[in-house]
Amino acid sequence: MKRVRRRYLALEIDSEAVFSSTDFMDAVYGAVLKLYGEYGASQTGLVLIGYEMEQCFAVLRVAHVAVEMVRAALATITRIGDKPVAVHVLAVSGTLKALRTKTGK
């Protein structure tokens, strides 16, 4: 059995409103489902590693083969609830240590 390679994405949530981690992940899953369907969403292996509400910063773990799929889905998120929002990918890395070095957070 092959080991699943993973990548970590550092995200900036650009919005005046503050969202809970549940609302944020619902929006991410919804965007992936909308673009790629259930089969595509199952390939991503999305996991929320860290979420800082005050700093509007999140870290996602994604399967290596699905990084581009998740980046495309994140670009389609324009609203969470009824509040406008934009999600920006700050960095992508293979380890959390390197990700924290790249982002300085």
C-alpha atoms as a PDB file:
ATOM      1  CA  MET A   1       0.000   0.000   0.000  1.00  0.00           C
ATOM      2  CA  LYS A   2       1.342   3.380  -0.987  1.00  0.00           C
ATOM      3  CA  ARG A   3       1.841   6.117   1.553  1.00  0.00           C
ATOM      4  CA  VAL A   4      -0.248   9.238   0.931  1.00  0.00           C
ATOM      5  CA  ARG A   5       1.929  12.290   0.420  1.00  0.00           C
ATOM      6  CA  ARG A   6       0.545  15.457   1.925  1.00  0.00           C
ATOM      7  CA  ARG A   7       0.974  19.171   1.502  1.00  0.00           C
ATOM      8  CA  TYR A   8       0.134  21.982   3.883  1.00  0.00           C
ATOM      9  CA  LEU A   9      -1.465  25.208   2.671  1.00  0.00           C
ATOM     10  CA  ALA A  10      -1.206  28.473   4.610  1.00  0.00           C
ATOM     11  CA  LEU A  11      -4.286  30.586   3.919  1.00  0.00           C
ATOM     12  CA  GLU A  12      -5.188  34.196   4.533  1.00  0.00           C
ATOM     13  CA  ILE A  13      -8.902  34.908   4.931  1.00  0.00           C
ATOM     14  CA  ASP A  14      -9.565  38.403   3.636  1.00  0.00           C
ATOM     15  CA  SER A  15     -12.811  39.685   5.138  1.00  0.00           C
ATOM     16  CA  GLU A  16     -14.091  42.286   7.539  1.00  0.00           C
ATOM     17  CA  ALA A  17     -16.232  39.663   9.269  1.00  0.00           C
ATOM     18  CA  VAL A  18     -14.956  36.959  11.621  1.00  0.00           C
ATOM     19  CA  PHE A  19     -15.936  33.339  10.959  1.00  0.00           C
ATOM     20  CA  SER A  20     -15.797  30.222  13.080  1.00  0.00           C
ATOM     21  CA  SER A  21     -13.648  27.331  11.920  1.00  0.00           C
ATOM     22  CA  THR A  22     -16.796  25.313  11.198  1.00  0.00           C
ATOM     23  CA  ASP A  23     -18.222  28.003   8.913  1.00  0.00           C
ATOM     24  CA  PHE A  24     -14.889  28.291   7.114  1.00  0.00           C
ATOM     25  CA  MET A  25     -14.522  24.544   6.530  1.00  0.00           C
ATOM     26  CA  ASP A  26     -18.141  24.281   5.390  1.00  0.00           C
ATOM     27  CA  ALA A  27     -17.372  26.903   2.741  1.00  0.00           C
ATOM     28  CA  VAL A  28     -14.197  25.069   1.656  1.00  0.00           C
ATOM     29  CA  TYR A  29     -15.932  21.682   1.432  1.00  0.00           C
ATOM     30  CA  GLY A  30     -18.850  23.299  -0.393  1.00  0.00           C
ATOM     31  CA  ALA A  31     -16.532  24.878  -2.963  1.00  0.00           C
ATOM     32  CA  VAL A  32     -14.703  21.586  -3.575  1.00  0.00           C
ATOM     33  CA  LEU A  33     -17.990  19.678  -3.876  1.00  0.00           C
ATOM     34  CA  LYS A  34     -19.399  22.237  -6.272  1.00  0.00           C
ATOM     35  CA  LEU A  35     -16.376  22.097  -8.587  1.00  0.00           C
ATOM     36  CA  TYR A  36     -15.417  18.415  -8.426  1.00  0.00           C
ATOM     37  CA  GLY A  37     -18.347  16.496  -6.946  1.00  0.00           C
ATOM     38  CA  GLU A  38     -18.193  13.894  -4.202  1.00  0.00           C
ATOM     39  CA  TYR A  39     -15.561  11.751  -5.893  1.00  0.00           C
ATOM     40  CA  GLY A  40     -13.208  14.692  -6.378  1.00  0.00           C
ATOM     41  CA  ALA A  41     -13.785  15.874  -2.813  1.00  0.00           C
ATOM     42  CA  SER A  42     -12.921  12.411  -1.516  1.00  0.00           C
ATOM     43  CA  GLN A  43      -9.543  12.603  -3.303  1.00  0.00           C
ATOM     44  CA  THR A  44      -8.513  15.836  -1.557  1.00  0.00           C
ATOM     45  CA  GLY A  45      -8.172  14.512   1.999  1.00  0.00           C
ATOM     46  CA  LEU A  46      -8.909  17.971   3.425  1.00  0.00           C
ATOM     47  CA  VAL A  47      -8.136  18.490   7.110  1.00  0.00           C
ATOM     48  CA  LEU A  48      -8.092  21.775   9.022  1.00  0.00           C
ATOM     49  CA  ILE A  49      -4.819  21.830  10.991  1.00  0.00           C
ATOM     50  CA  GLY A  50      -4.986  25.312  12.464  1.00  0.00           C
ATOM     51  CA  TYR A  51      -7.366  28.267  12.436  1.00  0.00           C
ATOM     52  CA  GLU A  52      -6.713  31.649  14.022  1.00  0.00           C
ATOM     53  CA  MET A  53      -9.863  33.737  13.956  1.00  0.00           C
ATOM     54  CA  GLU A  54      -8.268  37.017  15.051  1.00  0.00           C
ATOM     55  CA  GLN A  55      -5.388  36.868  12.548  1.00  0.00           C
ATOM     56  CA  CYS A  56      -7.578  35.521   9.703  1.00  0.00           C
ATOM     57  CA  PHE A  57      -5.099  32.689   9.143  1.00  0.00           C
ATOM     58  CA  ALA A  58      -5.695  28.981   8.505  1.00  0.00           C
ATOM     59  CA  VAL A  59      -3.638  25.899   7.707  1.00  0.00           C
ATOM     60  CA  LEU A  60      -5.079  23.043   5.643  1.00  0.00           C
ATOM     61  CA  ARG A  61      -3.636  19.583   5.029  1.00  0.00           C
ATOM     62  CA  VAL A  62      -4.300  18.281   1.516  1.00  0.00           C
ATOM     63  CA  ALA A  63      -3.306  15.207  -0.483  1.00  0.00           C
ATOM     64  CA  HIS A  64      -0.338  15.924  -2.753  1.00  0.00           C
ATOM     65  CA  VAL A  65      -2.259  15.053  -5.925  1.00  0.00           C
ATOM     66  CA  ALA A  66      -5.117  17.433  -5.036  1.00  0.00           C
ATOM     67  CA  VAL A  67      -3.243  20.665  -4.248  1.00  0.00           C
ATOM     68  CA  GLU A  68      -4.218  22.348  -7.517  1.00  0.00           C
ATOM     69  CA  MET A  69      -7.822  21.193  -7.149  1.00  0.00           C
ATOM     70  CA  VAL A  70      -8.074  22.738  -3.673  1.00  0.00           C
ATOM     71  CA  ARG A  71      -6.385  25.964  -4.799  1.00  0.00           C
ATOM     72  CA  ALA A  72      -8.930  26.298  -7.616  1.00  0.00           C
ATOM     73  CA  ALA A  73     -11.807  25.624  -5.230  1.00  0.00           C
ATOM     74  CA  LEU A  74     -10.495  28.195  -2.728  1.00  0.00           C
ATOM     75  CA  ALA A  75     -10.429  30.810  -5.482  1.00  0.00           C
ATOM     76  CA  THR A  76     -14.164  30.321  -6.030  1.00  0.00           C
ATOM     77  CA  ILE A  77     -15.103  31.191  -2.432  1.00  0.00           C
ATOM     78  CA  THR A  78     -16.610  34.667  -2.474  1.00  0.00           C
ATOM     79  CA  ARG A  79     -19.033  34.445   0.444  1.00  0.00           C
ATOM     80  CA  ILE A  80     -19.269  32.708   3.774  1.00  0.00           C
ATOM     81  CA  GLY A  81     -22.828  32.978   4.940  1.00  0.00           C
ATOM     82  CA  ASP A  82     -23.890  36.386   3.665  1.00  0.00           C
ATOM     83  CA  LYS A  83     -20.519  38.099   4.223  1.00  0.00           C
ATOM     84  CA  PRO A  84     -18.074  38.740   1.336  1.00  0.00           C
ATOM     85  CA  VAL A  85     -14.738  36.979   1.644  1.00  0.00           C
ATOM     86  CA  ALA A  86     -11.622  36.102  -0.370  1.00  0.00           C
ATOM     87  CA  VAL A  87      -9.214  33.283   0.482  1.00  0.00           C
ATOM     88  CA  HIS A  88      -5.556  33.662  -0.526  1.00  0.00           C
ATOM     89  CA  VAL A  89      -2.931  30.908  -0.487  1.00  0.00           C
ATOM     90  CA  LEU A  90       0.183  32.321   1.164  1.00  0.00           C
ATOM     91  CA  ALA A  91       2.418  29.251   0.947  1.00  0.00           C
ATOM     92  CA  VAL A  92       2.445  25.530   0.206  1.00  0.00           C
ATOM     93  CA  SER A  93       4.863  23.159   1.908  1.00  0.00           C
ATOM     94  CA  GLY A  94       5.497  19.489   2.597  1.00  0.00           C
ATOM     95  CA  THR A  95       5.982  19.949   6.346  1.00  0.00           C
ATOM     96  CA  LEU A  96       4.436  22.184   8.985  1.00  0.00           C
ATOM     97  CA  LYS A  97       7.882  23.314  10.132  1.00  0.00           C
ATOM     98  CA  ALA A  98       8.801  24.603   6.660  1.00  0.00           C
ATOM     99  CA  LEU A  99       5.367  26.202   6.305  1.00  0.00           C
ATOM    100  CA  ARG A 100       5.804  28.141   9.535  1.00  0.00           C
ATOM    101  CA  THR A 101       9.262  29.245   8.354  1.00  0.00           C
ATOM    102  CA  LYS A 102       7.859  30.481   5.031  1.00  0.00           C
ATOM    103  CA  THR A 103       4.960  32.384   6.577  1.00  0.00           C
ATOM    104  CA  GLY A 104       6.597  33.523   9.804  1.00  0.00           C
ATOM    105  CA  LYS A 105       3.541  32.423  11.820  1.00  0.00           C
END
